[in-house]
Amino acid sequence: PDTSATMEDWELARHIGAFLKGLPEHKRNLFLRRYWYGESVKELATAFGYRESKVKSILFRLRNQLWKELKKEELL
Protein backbone atom coordinates (compact mmCIF):
# COMPACT_ATOMS: atom_id res chain seq x y z
CA PRO A 1 0.00 0.00 0.00
CA ASP A 2 1.04 3.57 -0.70
CA THR A 3 2.00 5.08 2.66
CA SER A 4 1.53 8.68 1.51
CA ALA A 5 -2.02 7.94 0.31
CA THR A 6 -2.81 6.27 3.62
CA MET A 7 -1.50 9.28 5.54
CA GLU A 8 -3.52 11.65 3.35
CA ASP A 9 -6.66 9.59 3.95
CA TRP A 10 -6.03 9.63 7.70
CA GLU A 11 -5.44 13.40 7.64
CA LEU A 12 -8.63 13.95 5.64
CA ALA A 13 -10.64 11.80 8.06
CA ARG A 14 -9.15 13.66 11.03
CA HIS A 15 -10.15 17.04 9.59
CA ILE A 16 -13.66 15.89 8.73
CA GLY A 17 -14.04 14.55 12.27
CA ALA A 18 -12.83 17.82 13.76
CA PHE A 19 -15.21 19.76 11.51
CA LEU A 20 -18.16 17.63 12.61
CA LYS A 21 -17.18 17.83 16.26
CA GLY A 22 -17.22 21.62 16.05
CA LEU A 23 -20.79 21.77 14.75
CA PRO A 24 -23.87 22.24 16.90
CA GLU A 25 -25.43 18.86 17.66
CA HIS A 26 -28.49 19.27 15.41
CA LYS A 27 -26.34 20.22 12.39
CA ARG A 28 -23.90 17.38 13.06
CA ASN A 29 -26.81 14.94 13.29
CA LEU A 30 -28.32 16.23 10.05
CA PHE A 31 -25.00 15.89 8.24
CA LEU A 32 -24.28 12.41 9.54
CA ARG A 33 -27.77 11.09 8.97
CA ARG A 34 -27.73 12.37 5.39
CA TYR A 35 -24.19 11.51 4.31
CA TRP A 36 -23.29 8.58 6.56
CA TYR A 37 -26.63 6.83 6.98
CA GLY A 38 -28.12 7.96 3.65
CA GLU A 39 -31.42 9.27 4.95
CA SER A 40 -33.43 11.31 2.48
CA VAL A 41 -34.07 15.02 2.82
CA LYS A 42 -37.74 14.23 3.33
CA GLU A 43 -36.95 11.81 6.18
CA LEU A 44 -34.69 14.38 7.83
CA ALA A 45 -37.28 17.14 7.50
CA THR A 46 -39.85 14.96 9.22
CA ALA A 47 -37.44 13.83 11.96
CA PHE A 48 -36.22 17.36 12.76
CA GLY A 49 -39.51 19.20 12.21
CA TYR A 50 -38.05 21.33 9.40
CA ARG A 51 -39.26 22.03 5.90
CA GLU A 52 -37.34 20.18 3.21
CA SER A 53 -36.02 23.51 1.91
CA LYS A 54 -34.47 24.25 5.30
CA VAL A 55 -32.77 20.85 5.43
CA LYS A 56 -31.38 21.40 1.92
CA SER A 57 -30.16 24.86 2.88
CA ILE A 58 -28.43 23.66 6.06
CA LEU A 59 -26.76 20.78 4.22
CA PHE A 60 -25.64 23.07 1.39
CA ARG A 61 -24.03 25.46 3.86
CA LEU A 62 -22.37 22.65 5.78
CA ARG A 63 -20.91 21.14 2.61
CA ASN A 64 -19.54 24.55 1.64
CA GLN A 65 -18.04 25.09 5.09
CA LEU A 66 -16.39 21.68 4.98
CA TRP A 67 -15.10 22.27 1.46
CA LYS A 68 -13.55 25.61 2.53
CA GLU A 69 -11.90 24.00 5.56
CA LEU A 70 -10.44 21.17 3.50
CA LYS A 71 -9.31 23.58 0.78
CA LYS A 72 -7.63 25.80 3.40
CA GLU A 73 -5.75 22.78 4.73
CA GLU A 74 -4.84 21.82 1.16
CA LEU A 75 -6.60 18.47 1.44
CA LEU A 76 -8.56 19.03 -1.77
PDB file of N, CA and C in Angstrom:
ATOM      1  N   PRO A   1       0.830  -1.207   0.000  1.00  0.00           N
ATOM      2  CA  PRO A   1       0.000   0.000   0.000  1.00  0.00           C
ATOM      3  C   PRO A   1       0.867   1.260   0.000  1.00  0.00           C
ATOM      4  N   ASP A   2       0.352   2.278  -0.620  1.00  0.00           N
ATOM      5  CA  ASP A   2       1.036   3.569  -0.702  1.00  0.00           C
ATOM      6  C   ASP A   2       0.897   4.297   0.634  1.00  0.00           C
ATOM      7  N   THR A   3       2.010   4.463   1.324  1.00  0.00           N
ATOM      8  CA  THR A   3       1.999   5.083   2.657  1.00  0.00           C
ATOM      9  C   THR A   3       1.527   6.526   2.603  1.00  0.00           C
ATOM     10  N   SER A   4       1.934   7.280   1.590  1.00  0.00           N
ATOM     11  CA  SER A   4       1.530   8.682   1.510  1.00  0.00           C
ATOM     12  C   SER A   4       0.018   8.800   1.300  1.00  0.00           C
ATOM     13  N   ALA A   5      -0.569   7.909   0.513  1.00  0.00           N
ATOM     14  CA  ALA A   5      -2.022   7.940   0.312  1.00  0.00           C
ATOM     15  C   ALA A   5      -2.747   7.597   1.608  1.00  0.00           C
ATOM     16  N   THR A   6      -2.216   6.652   2.344  1.00  0.00           N
ATOM     17  CA  THR A   6      -2.807   6.271   3.623  1.00  0.00           C
ATOM     18  C   THR A   6      -2.757   7.431   4.605  1.00  0.00           C
ATOM     19  N   MET A   7      -1.644   8.125   4.647  1.00  0.00           N
ATOM     20  CA  MET A   7      -1.499   9.280   5.543  1.00  0.00           C
ATOM     21  C   MET A   7      -2.450  10.404   5.123  1.00  0.00           C
ATOM     22  N   GLU A   8      -2.600  10.627   3.835  1.00  0.00           N
ATOM     23  CA  GLU A   8      -3.523  11.654   3.350  1.00  0.00           C
ATOM     24  C   GLU A   8      -4.958  11.302   3.716  1.00  0.00           C
ATOM     25  N   ASP A   9      -5.320  10.030   3.573  1.00  0.00           N
ATOM     26  CA  ASP A   9      -6.664   9.589   3.948  1.00  0.00           C
ATOM     27  C   ASP A   9      -6.899   9.796   5.441  1.00  0.00           C
ATOM     28  N   TRP A  10      -5.903   9.458   6.249  1.00  0.00           N
ATOM     29  CA  TRP A  10      -6.028   9.635   7.696  1.00  0.00           C
ATOM     30  C   TRP A  10      -6.184  11.118   8.036  1.00  0.00           C
ATOM     31  N   GLU A  11      -5.387  11.957   7.386  1.00  0.00           N
ATOM     32  CA  GLU A  11      -5.445  13.399   7.636  1.00  0.00           C
ATOM     33  C   GLU A  11      -6.806  13.964   7.228  1.00  0.00           C
ATOM     34  N   LEU A  12      -7.310  13.516   6.102  1.00  0.00           N
ATOM     35  CA  LEU A  12      -8.629  13.950   5.641  1.00  0.00           C
ATOM     36  C   LEU A  12      -9.702  13.534   6.650  1.00  0.00           C
ATOM     37  N   ALA A  13      -9.669  12.292   7.083  1.00  0.00           N
ATOM     38  CA  ALA A  13     -10.642  11.798   8.060  1.00  0.00           C
ATOM     39  C   ALA A  13     -10.552  12.577   9.368  1.00  0.00           C
ATOM     40  N   ARG A  14      -9.337  12.897   9.794  1.00  0.00           N
ATOM     41  CA  ARG A  14      -9.147  13.662  11.028  1.00  0.00           C
ATOM     42  C   ARG A  14      -9.776  15.045  10.914  1.00  0.00           C
ATOM     43  N   HIS A  15      -9.589  15.707   9.779  1.00  0.00           N
ATOM     44  CA  HIS A  15     -10.153  17.043   9.586  1.00  0.00           C
ATOM     45  C   HIS A  15     -11.677  17.010   9.482  1.00  0.00           C
ATOM     46  N   ILE A  16     -12.204  16.010   8.819  1.00  0.00           N
ATOM     47  CA  ILE A  16     -13.660  15.893   8.733  1.00  0.00           C
ATOM     48  C   ILE A  16     -14.239  15.647  10.120  1.00  0.00           C
ATOM     49  N   GLY A  17     -13.591  14.799  10.900  1.00  0.00           N
ATOM     50  CA  GLY A  17     -14.038  14.546  12.266  1.00  0.00           C
ATOM     51  C   GLY A  17     -14.004  15.797  13.124  1.00  0.00           C
ATOM     52  N   ALA A  18     -12.944  16.574  12.994  1.00  0.00           N
ATOM     53  CA  ALA A  18     -12.833  17.824  13.760  1.00  0.00           C
ATOM     54  C   ALA A  18     -13.906  18.815  13.320  1.00  0.00           C
ATOM     55  N   PHE A  19     -14.160  18.871  12.025  1.00  0.00           N
ATOM     56  CA  PHE A  19     -15.210  19.759  11.508  1.00  0.00           C
ATOM     57  C   PHE A  19     -16.554  19.374  12.114  1.00  0.00           C
ATOM     58  N   LEU A  20     -16.881  18.090  12.073  1.00  0.00           N
ATOM     59  CA  LEU A  20     -18.161  17.628  12.605  1.00  0.00           C
ATOM     60  C   LEU A  20     -18.265  17.853  14.104  1.00  0.00           C
ATOM     61  N   LYS A  21     -17.178  17.636  14.806  1.00  0.00           N
ATOM     62  CA  LYS A  21     -17.176  17.828  16.257  1.00  0.00           C
ATOM     63  C   LYS A  21     -17.448  19.285  16.637  1.00  0.00           C
ATOM     64  N   GLY A  22     -17.034  20.204  15.780  1.00  0.00           N
ATOM     65  CA  GLY A  22     -17.223  21.623  16.052  1.00  0.00           C
ATOM     66  C   GLY A  22     -18.607  22.161  15.720  1.00  0.00           C
ATOM     67  N   LEU A  23     -19.449  21.330  15.117  1.00  0.00           N
ATOM     68  CA  LEU A  23     -20.792  21.770  14.749  1.00  0.00           C
ATOM     69  C   LEU A  23     -21.756  21.639  15.926  1.00  0.00           C
ATOM     70  N   PRO A  24     -22.792  22.468  15.927  1.00  0.00           N
ATOM     71  CA  PRO A  24     -23.870  22.241  16.903  1.00  0.00           C
ATOM     72  C   PRO A  24     -24.467  20.851  16.678  1.00  0.00           C
ATOM     73  N   GLU A  25     -24.972  20.251  17.715  1.00  0.00           N
ATOM     74  CA  GLU A  25     -25.432  18.864  17.656  1.00  0.00           C
ATOM     75  C   GLU A  25     -26.466  18.620  16.558  1.00  0.00           C
ATOM     76  N   HIS A  26     -27.443  19.517  16.409  1.00  0.00           N
ATOM     77  CA  HIS A  26     -28.485  19.265  15.406  1.00  0.00           C
ATOM     78  C   HIS A  26     -27.920  19.304  13.984  1.00  0.00           C
ATOM     79  N   LYS A  27     -26.952  20.169  13.727  1.00  0.00           N
ATOM     80  CA  LYS A  27     -26.342  20.217  12.392  1.00  0.00           C
ATOM     81  C   LYS A  27     -25.464  18.992  12.152  1.00  0.00           C
ATOM     82  N   ARG A  28     -24.730  18.589  13.173  1.00  0.00           N
ATOM     83  CA  ARG A  28     -23.904  17.383  13.059  1.00  0.00           C
ATOM     84  C   ARG A  28     -24.783  16.170  12.777  1.00  0.00           C
ATOM     85  N   ASN A  29     -25.900  16.067  13.491  1.00  0.00           N
ATOM     86  CA  ASN A  29     -26.809  14.944  13.287  1.00  0.00           C
ATOM     87  C   ASN A  29     -27.412  14.951  11.888  1.00  0.00           C
ATOM     88  N   LEU A  30     -27.798  16.131  11.413  1.00  0.00           N
ATOM     89  CA  LEU A  30     -28.318  16.234  10.047  1.00  0.00           C
ATOM     90  C   LEU A  30     -27.284  15.746   9.043  1.00  0.00           C
ATOM     91  N   PHE A  31     -26.073  16.238   9.178  1.00  0.00           N
ATOM     92  CA  PHE A  31     -25.000  15.895   8.243  1.00  0.00           C
ATOM     93  C   PHE A  31     -24.732  14.388   8.257  1.00  0.00           C
ATOM     94  N   LEU A  32     -24.578  13.839   9.434  1.00  0.00           N
ATOM     95  CA  LEU A  32     -24.278  12.413   9.537  1.00  0.00           C
ATOM     96  C   LEU A  32     -25.430  11.548   9.041  1.00  0.00           C
ATOM     97  N   ARG A  33     -26.627  11.905   9.389  1.00  0.00           N
ATOM     98  CA  ARG A  33     -27.770  11.094   8.967  1.00  0.00           C
ATOM     99  C   ARG A  33     -27.961  11.152   7.456  1.00  0.00           C
ATOM    100  N   ARG A  34     -27.610  12.271   6.855  1.00  0.00           N
ATOM    101  CA  ARG A  34     -27.731  12.373   5.394  1.00  0.00           C
ATOM    102  C   ARG A  34     -26.583  11.664   4.681  1.00  0.00           C
ATOM    103  N   TYR A  35     -25.347  11.968   5.079  1.00  0.00           N
ATOM    104  CA  TYR A  35     -24.190  11.511   4.306  1.00  0.00           C
ATOM    105  C   TYR A  35     -23.539  10.236   4.837  1.00  0.00           C
ATOM    106  N   TRP A  36     -23.840   9.838   6.038  1.00  0.00           N
ATOM    107  CA  TRP A  36     -23.289   8.580   6.563  1.00  0.00           C
ATOM    108  C   TRP A  36     -24.348   7.474   6.492  1.00  0.00           C
ATOM    109  N   TYR A  37     -25.569   7.830   6.942  1.00  0.00           N
ATOM    110  CA  TYR A  37     -26.631   6.833   6.977  1.00  0.00           C
ATOM    111  C   TYR A  37     -27.543   6.876   5.750  1.00  0.00           C
ATOM    112  N   GLY A  38     -27.393   7.889   4.901  1.00  0.00           N
ATOM    113  CA  GLY A  38     -28.119   7.955   3.645  1.00  0.00           C
ATOM    114  C   GLY A  38     -29.603   8.257   3.753  1.00  0.00           C
ATOM    115  N   GLU A  39     -30.004   8.918   4.823  1.00  0.00           N
ATOM    116  CA  GLU A  39     -31.417   9.272   4.947  1.00  0.00           C
ATOM    117  C   GLU A  39     -31.774  10.350   3.931  1.00  0.00           C
ATOM    118  N   SER A  40     -32.989  10.321   3.470  1.00  0.00           N
ATOM    119  CA  SER A  40     -33.433  11.305   2.480  1.00  0.00           C
ATOM    120  C   SER A  40     -33.703  12.651   3.143  1.00  0.00           C
ATOM    121  N   VAL A  41     -33.747  13.681   2.322  1.00  0.00           N
ATOM    122  CA  VAL A  41     -34.070  15.021   2.818  1.00  0.00           C
ATOM    123  C   VAL A  41     -35.463  15.010   3.435  1.00  0.00           C
ATOM    124  N   LYS A  42     -36.368  14.309   2.804  1.00  0.00           N
ATOM    125  CA  LYS A  42     -37.737  14.225   3.328  1.00  0.00           C
ATOM    126  C   LYS A  42     -37.765  13.569   4.712  1.00  0.00           C
ATOM    127  N   GLU A  43     -37.022  12.483   4.875  1.00  0.00           N
ATOM    128  CA  GLU A  43     -36.951  11.814   6.183  1.00  0.00           C
ATOM    129  C   GLU A  43     -36.362  12.734   7.246  1.00  0.00           C
ATOM    130  N   LEU A  44     -35.324  13.465   6.874  1.00  0.00           N
ATOM    131  CA  LEU A  44     -34.692  14.381   7.827  1.00  0.00           C
ATOM    132  C   LEU A  44     -35.631  15.523   8.196  1.00  0.00           C
ATOM    133  N   ALA A  45     -36.333  16.050   7.224  1.00  0.00           N
ATOM    134  CA  ALA A  45     -37.276  17.136   7.497  1.00  0.00           C
ATOM    135  C   ALA A  45     -38.337  16.685   8.494  1.00  0.00           C
ATOM    136  N   THR A  46     -38.843  15.497   8.302  1.00  0.00           N
ATOM    137  CA  THR A  46     -39.848  14.956   9.219  1.00  0.00           C
ATOM    138  C   THR A  46     -39.259  14.741  10.614  1.00  0.00           C
ATOM    139  N   ALA A  47     -38.071  14.147  10.669  1.00  0.00           N
ATOM    140  CA  ALA A  47     -37.437  13.834  11.956  1.00  0.00           C
ATOM    141  C   ALA A  47     -37.094  15.084  12.756  1.00  0.00           C
ATOM    142  N   PHE A  48     -36.673  16.155  12.063  1.00  0.00           N
ATOM    143  CA  PHE A  48     -36.225  17.357  12.756  1.00  0.00           C
ATOM    144  C   PHE A  48     -37.299  18.439  12.839  1.00  0.00           C
ATOM    145  N   GLY A  49     -38.429  18.207  12.185  1.00  0.00           N
ATOM    146  CA  GLY A  49     -39.510  19.195  12.211  1.00  0.00           C
ATOM    147  C   GLY A  49     -39.207  20.415  11.360  1.00  0.00           C
ATOM    148  N   TYR A  50     -38.408  20.245  10.315  1.00  0.00           N
ATOM    149  CA  TYR A  50     -38.052  21.328   9.396  1.00  0.00           C
ATOM    150  C   TYR A  50     -38.766  21.113   8.066  1.00  0.00           C
ATOM    151  N   ARG A  51     -38.833  22.167   7.290  1.00  0.00           N
ATOM    152  CA  ARG A  51     -39.259  22.029   5.898  1.00  0.00           C
ATOM    153  C   ARG A  51     -38.091  21.433   5.123  1.00  0.00           C
ATOM    154  N   GLU A  52     -38.399  20.764   4.030  1.00  0.00           N
ATOM    155  CA  GLU A  52     -37.342  20.183   3.207  1.00  0.00           C
ATOM    156  C   GLU A  52     -36.370  21.248   2.716  1.00  0.00           C
ATOM    157  N   SER A  53     -36.884  22.430   2.396  1.00  0.00           N
ATOM    158  CA  SER A  53     -36.021  23.509   1.907  1.00  0.00           C
ATOM    159  C   SER A  53     -35.008  23.934   2.969  1.00  0.00           C
ATOM    160  N   LYS A  54     -35.405  23.894   4.234  1.00  0.00           N
ATOM    161  CA  LYS A  54     -34.472  24.254   5.304  1.00  0.00           C
ATOM    162  C   LYS A  54     -33.384  23.193   5.446  1.00  0.00           C
ATOM    163  N   VAL A  55     -33.756  21.935   5.364  1.00  0.00           N
ATOM    164  CA  VAL A  55     -32.773  20.852   5.435  1.00  0.00           C
ATOM    165  C   VAL A  55     -31.770  20.998   4.295  1.00  0.00           C
ATOM    166  N   LYS A  56     -32.265  21.230   3.085  1.00  0.00           N
ATOM    167  CA  LYS A  56     -31.383  21.400   1.924  1.00  0.00           C
ATOM    168  C   LYS A  56     -30.443  22.579   2.119  1.00  0.00           C
ATOM    169  N   SER A  57     -30.963  23.656   2.652  1.00  0.00           N
ATOM    170  CA  SER A  57     -30.163  24.857   2.878  1.00  0.00           C
ATOM    171  C   SER A  57     -29.063  24.609   3.910  1.00  0.00           C
ATOM    172  N   ILE A  58     -29.414  23.964   5.014  1.00  0.00           N
ATOM    173  CA  ILE A  58     -28.430  23.660   6.056  1.00  0.00           C
ATOM    174  C   ILE A  58     -27.337  22.752   5.499  1.00  0.00           C
ATOM    175  N   LEU A  59     -27.736  21.709   4.781  1.00  0.00           N
ATOM    176  CA  LEU A  59     -26.764  20.778   4.220  1.00  0.00           C
ATOM    177  C   LEU A  59     -25.862  21.452   3.187  1.00  0.00           C
ATOM    178  N   PHE A  60     -26.428  22.323   2.376  1.00  0.00           N
ATOM    179  CA  PHE A  60     -25.642  23.069   1.391  1.00  0.00           C
ATOM    180  C   PHE A  60     -24.579  23.909   2.082  1.00  0.00           C
ATOM    181  N   ARG A  61     -24.982  24.619   3.120  1.00  0.00           N
ATOM    182  CA  ARG A  61     -24.029  25.463   3.859  1.00  0.00           C
ATOM    183  C   ARG A  61     -22.957  24.630   4.553  1.00  0.00           C
ATOM    184  N   LEU A  62     -23.343  23.513   5.115  1.00  0.00           N
ATOM    185  CA  LEU A  62     -22.369  22.651   5.785  1.00  0.00           C
ATOM    186  C   LEU A  62     -21.362  22.075   4.793  1.00  0.00           C
ATOM    187  N   ARG A  63     -21.834  21.652   3.636  1.00  0.00           N
ATOM    188  CA  ARG A  63     -20.909  21.143   2.611  1.00  0.00           C
ATOM    189  C   ARG A  63     -19.925  22.224   2.192  1.00  0.00           C
ATOM    190  N   ASN A  64     -20.428  23.447   2.025  1.00  0.00           N
ATOM    191  CA  ASN A  64     -19.540  24.552   1.643  1.00  0.00           C
ATOM    192  C   ASN A  64     -18.531  24.868   2.739  1.00  0.00           C
ATOM    193  N   GLN A  65     -18.961  24.854   3.981  1.00  0.00           N
ATOM    194  CA  GLN A  65     -18.040  25.093   5.090  1.00  0.00           C
ATOM    195  C   GLN A  65     -16.954  24.028   5.124  1.00  0.00           C
ATOM    196  N   LEU A  66     -17.353  22.776   4.971  1.00  0.00           N
ATOM    197  CA  LEU A  66     -16.395  21.675   4.984  1.00  0.00           C
ATOM    198  C   LEU A  66     -15.422  21.813   3.812  1.00  0.00           C
ATOM    199  N   TRP A  67     -15.945  22.114   2.649  1.00  0.00           N
ATOM    200  CA  TRP A  67     -15.095  22.274   1.461  1.00  0.00           C
ATOM    201  C   TRP A  67     -14.052  23.370   1.694  1.00  0.00           C
ATOM    202  N   LYS A  68     -14.487  24.504   2.253  1.00  0.00           N
ATOM    203  CA  LYS A  68     -13.553  25.611   2.526  1.00  0.00           C
ATOM    204  C   LYS A  68     -12.477  25.198   3.524  1.00  0.00           C
ATOM    205  N   GLU A  69     -12.871  24.471   4.566  1.00  0.00           N
ATOM    206  CA  GLU A  69     -11.903  23.997   5.558  1.00  0.00           C
ATOM    207  C   GLU A  69     -10.881  23.063   4.932  1.00  0.00           C
ATOM    208  N   LEU A  70     -11.339  22.134   4.121  1.00  0.00           N
ATOM    209  CA  LEU A  70     -10.443  21.171   3.496  1.00  0.00           C
ATOM    210  C   LEU A  70      -9.547  21.850   2.462  1.00  0.00           C
ATOM    211  N   LYS A  71     -10.090  22.825   1.755  1.00  0.00           N
ATOM    212  CA  LYS A  71      -9.311  23.578   0.775  1.00  0.00           C
ATOM    213  C   LYS A  71      -8.217  24.384   1.488  1.00  0.00           C
ATOM    214  N   LYS A  72      -8.579  25.009   2.614  1.00  0.00           N
ATOM    215  CA  LYS A  72      -7.626  25.804   3.403  1.00  0.00           C
ATOM    216  C   LYS A  72      -6.460  24.938   3.883  1.00  0.00           C
ATOM    217  N   GLU A  73      -6.778  23.703   4.252  1.00  0.00           N
ATOM    218  CA  GLU A  73      -5.752  22.776   4.733  1.00  0.00           C
ATOM    219  C   GLU A  73      -5.050  22.030   3.596  1.00  0.00           C
ATOM    220  N   GLU A  74      -5.416  22.402   2.368  1.00  0.00           N
ATOM    221  CA  GLU A  74      -4.836  21.817   1.155  1.00  0.00           C
ATOM    222  C   GLU A  74      -5.046  20.306   1.076  1.00  0.00           C
ATOM    223  N   LEU A  75      -6.232  19.886   1.505  1.00  0.00           N
ATOM    224  CA  LEU A  75      -6.600  18.473   1.439  1.00  0.00           C
ATOM    225  C   LEU A  75      -7.471  18.166   0.223  1.00  0.00           C
ATOM    226  N   LEU A  76      -7.804  19.197  -0.525  1.00  0.00           N
ATOM    227  CA  LEU A  76      -8.564  19.026  -1.774  1.00  0.00           C
ATOM    228  C   LEU A  76      -7.763  19.586  -2.922  1.00  0.00           C
TER     229      LEU A  76
END
